Each structure stands twice: as structure tokens, then as C-alpha cells.
Amino acid sequence: MDTRELYQEVILDHNRSPKNFKKIENPTSMAVGHNPLCGDEITVSIIVEDDVVEDVGFQGVGCAISQASASMMTAAIKGKPVDAVRELFEKFHRMVASEEETDLDAMGKLAAFGGVREFPARVKCASLPWHTMKAALDEVSETVVTE
């Protein structure tokens, strides 16, 4: 099995059995995101205590890439300091949206999304959960739209 097939399998697995697909009761912040191109809709709820993401959950509907991205994102940020989460957001965004070379080994399982940049319409699917999570951290009340 080559790397690309392995990454596809990781994405499909997270789409079939998403991690942290749940409603968070009494979140410290939350945000809503929408991708009008393919209809992805997501709500990310976060509990931050002492500048650490203590819990995070997402709800919504969307394509396999957006759901897997949300699942893997929540798993990656849970228990991390907010500064580290913001840094991971920047690394993920660069990996999927820029021409800049990314150290995929340093991205762990999130490297599964490294090939998304080759498909501009799918970049929005992969990045919607991340932008929505960042909006929650920044306490932005407007819906995040990938347009």
C-alpha cells in the first residue's frame, strides 16, 4: 500500500467513525462554519481552561474530507495549550493551501491532508473545520464562510 492509499484510508476511517462528534455542554466558546460550494456545515464547541483546550467537539454535515478533517483536528488539539493550537492551525493551513513546502512527518496523521492542495475546491473542505475552530478561539460570532 503506498502512502497516498494509506492517507485515503485514514481520511475514510475518520469519516466513518469521527472522533469528538458530540455536543459540548456549556462550552467556553463555539463557532459555526459553512462551505456553500459543497454544503459542508460545522459547529465547533470548545472548553478552554487555564489557556488549555480541555474539551472540543464538532457537529454538522459534510463531505468525507471536511468530516475527517474535523475529527482529526479535534483529536490533535484536545489537551493542548491554546498557543500550540494556533500554531498547529497555521501549519495545517500552510500545508493545505500554500505552495510552501511542509514537513509532513512533523504533521503526524494530519499529513493525510497534504495532497489536498492539488484540488483547490477540496482545500476549503479540509480547512473549514480549522477556520471554524480558530473563530471559536477568537470568539467570532459571525458564521465562517469559505468564499
Protein backbone atom coordinates (compact mmCIF):
# COMPACT_ATOMS: atom_id res chain seq x y z
CA MET A 1 0.00 0.00 0.00
CA ASP A 2 1.51 3.34 -0.99
CA THR A 3 1.40 6.47 1.12
CA ARG A 4 -1.45 8.05 -0.84
CA GLU A 5 -3.65 4.96 -0.33
CA LEU A 6 -2.80 4.93 3.37
CA TYR A 7 -3.77 8.60 3.68
CA GLN A 8 -7.04 7.97 1.84
CA GLU A 9 -7.78 5.14 4.26
CA VAL A 10 -7.08 7.40 7.28
CA ILE A 11 -9.49 10.03 5.91
CA LEU A 12 -12.19 7.46 5.17
CA ASP A 13 -11.79 5.90 8.62
CA HIS A 14 -12.24 9.28 10.36
CA ASN A 15 -15.26 10.00 8.16
CA ARG A 16 -16.87 6.65 9.07
CA SER A 17 -16.03 6.87 12.78
CA PRO A 18 -15.38 10.52 13.64
CA LYS A 19 -13.69 11.37 16.91
CA ASN A 20 -15.29 14.02 19.14
CA PHE A 21 -18.51 14.21 17.09
CA LYS A 22 -20.55 15.45 20.01
CA LYS A 23 -22.29 18.40 21.56
CA ILE A 24 -20.29 20.10 24.29
CA GLU A 25 -22.44 21.29 27.17
CA ASN A 26 -21.58 24.81 28.35
CA PRO A 27 -18.63 25.48 26.00
CA THR A 28 -16.46 28.49 26.73
CA SER A 29 -16.75 29.31 23.03
CA MET A 30 -18.20 27.99 19.81
CA ALA A 31 -18.40 28.93 16.15
CA VAL A 32 -20.32 27.90 13.06
CA GLY A 33 -18.80 27.32 9.63
CA HIS A 34 -20.35 26.86 6.20
CA ASN A 35 -18.93 25.94 2.80
CA PRO A 36 -21.58 26.96 0.25
CA LEU A 37 -19.75 25.18 -2.58
CA CYS A 38 -20.43 21.68 -1.30
CA GLY A 39 -22.84 22.31 1.58
CA ASP A 40 -20.49 21.48 4.46
CA GLU A 41 -21.81 22.85 7.75
CA ILE A 42 -20.00 22.53 11.04
CA THR A 43 -20.26 23.78 14.59
CA VAL A 44 -17.14 23.60 16.75
CA SER A 45 -17.50 23.92 20.53
CA ILE A 46 -14.53 24.30 22.84
CA ILE A 47 -13.89 24.37 26.56
CA VAL A 48 -10.71 26.29 27.39
CA GLU A 49 -9.47 26.32 30.99
CA ASP A 50 -6.18 27.85 32.10
CA ASP A 51 -5.32 28.51 28.44
CA VAL A 52 -5.60 24.79 27.54
CA VAL A 53 -8.21 23.17 25.27
CA GLU A 54 -9.78 20.84 27.83
CA ASP A 55 -12.52 19.55 25.53
CA VAL A 56 -13.62 20.06 21.96
CA GLY A 57 -16.43 18.69 19.87
CA PHE A 58 -17.98 19.21 16.49
CA GLN A 59 -21.35 18.62 14.91
CA GLY A 60 -22.54 19.04 11.37
CA VAL A 61 -22.78 17.51 7.96
CA GLY A 62 -20.42 17.48 5.05
CA CYS A 63 -18.22 15.59 2.69
CA ALA A 64 -15.73 12.95 3.84
CA ILE A 65 -12.84 15.42 3.74
CA SER A 66 -14.50 18.03 5.96
CA GLN A 67 -15.77 15.46 8.46
CA ALA A 68 -12.41 13.67 8.64
CA SER A 69 -10.59 16.99 8.97
CA ALA A 70 -12.86 18.00 11.87
CA SER A 71 -12.37 14.62 13.55
CA MET A 72 -8.59 14.66 13.22
CA MET A 73 -8.40 18.33 14.20
CA THR A 74 -10.33 17.78 17.44
CA ALA A 75 -8.12 14.80 18.31
CA ALA A 76 -4.99 16.86 17.58
CA ILE A 77 -5.92 19.91 19.68
CA LYS A 78 -7.57 18.33 22.74
CA GLY A 79 -5.37 18.85 25.79
CA LYS A 80 -3.06 21.31 24.03
CA PRO A 81 -2.28 24.90 25.09
CA VAL A 82 -4.13 27.50 23.03
CA ASP A 83 -0.83 28.89 21.65
CA ALA A 84 0.12 25.43 20.37
CA VAL A 85 -3.34 25.05 18.81
CA ARG A 86 -2.96 28.37 16.99
CA GLU A 87 0.48 27.30 15.75
CA LEU A 88 -0.96 23.97 14.52
CA PHE A 89 -3.72 25.91 12.72
CA GLU A 90 -1.06 27.90 10.85
CA LYS A 91 0.93 24.77 9.95
CA PHE A 92 -2.18 22.96 8.73
CA HIS A 93 -3.32 25.94 6.69
CA ARG A 94 0.11 26.26 5.05
CA MET A 95 0.14 22.54 4.32
CA VAL A 96 -3.21 22.51 2.50
CA ALA A 97 -3.35 25.98 0.99
CA SER A 98 0.12 27.21 0.07
CA GLU A 99 2.90 26.31 -2.29
CA GLU A 100 5.29 26.37 0.66
CA GLU A 101 6.93 23.01 1.38
CA THR A 102 5.61 21.33 4.53
CA ASP A 103 7.41 18.81 6.71
CA LEU A 104 4.73 16.13 6.50
CA ASP A 105 6.49 13.94 9.08
CA ALA A 106 6.03 16.73 11.64
CA MET A 107 2.29 16.82 10.89
CA GLY A 108 1.66 13.25 12.06
CA LYS A 109 -1.69 11.86 10.92
CA LEU A 110 -2.72 15.32 9.70
CA ALA A 111 -0.28 14.75 6.81
CA ALA A 112 -3.14 12.77 5.24
CA PHE A 113 -4.43 16.14 4.03
CA GLY A 114 -1.13 17.12 2.38
CA GLY A 115 -2.36 16.21 -1.09
CA VAL A 116 -5.49 18.34 -0.81
CA ARG A 117 -3.68 21.42 -2.14
CA GLU A 118 -3.75 19.79 -5.59
CA PHE A 119 -7.56 20.13 -5.55
CA PRO A 120 -8.45 23.78 -4.82
CA ALA A 121 -12.15 23.08 -4.19
CA ARG A 122 -11.22 20.44 -1.59
CA VAL A 123 -8.88 22.82 0.27
CA LYS A 124 -11.99 24.60 1.52
CA CYS A 125 -13.47 21.30 2.70
CA ALA A 126 -10.33 20.40 4.66
CA SER A 127 -9.78 23.86 6.11
CA LEU A 128 -13.38 24.72 7.10
CA PRO A 129 -13.22 22.93 10.48
CA TRP A 130 -9.88 24.60 11.23
CA HIS A 131 -11.12 28.10 10.41
CA THR A 132 -14.25 27.41 12.45
CA MET A 133 -12.16 26.24 15.42
CA LYS A 134 -9.99 29.37 15.16
CA ALA A 135 -13.13 31.52 15.08
CA ALA A 136 -14.28 29.79 18.27
CA LEU A 137 -10.94 30.53 19.95
CA ASP A 138 -11.16 34.14 18.75
CA GLU A 139 -14.80 34.31 19.89
CA VAL A 140 -16.03 35.39 16.44
CA SER A 141 -19.82 35.32 16.31
CA GLU A 142 -20.28 35.54 12.52
CA THR A 143 -20.55 32.31 10.54
CA VAL A 144 -17.24 31.30 8.97
CA VAL A 145 -17.73 31.04 5.20
CA THR A 146 -15.21 29.56 2.78
CA GLU A 147 -15.76 32.09 0.00
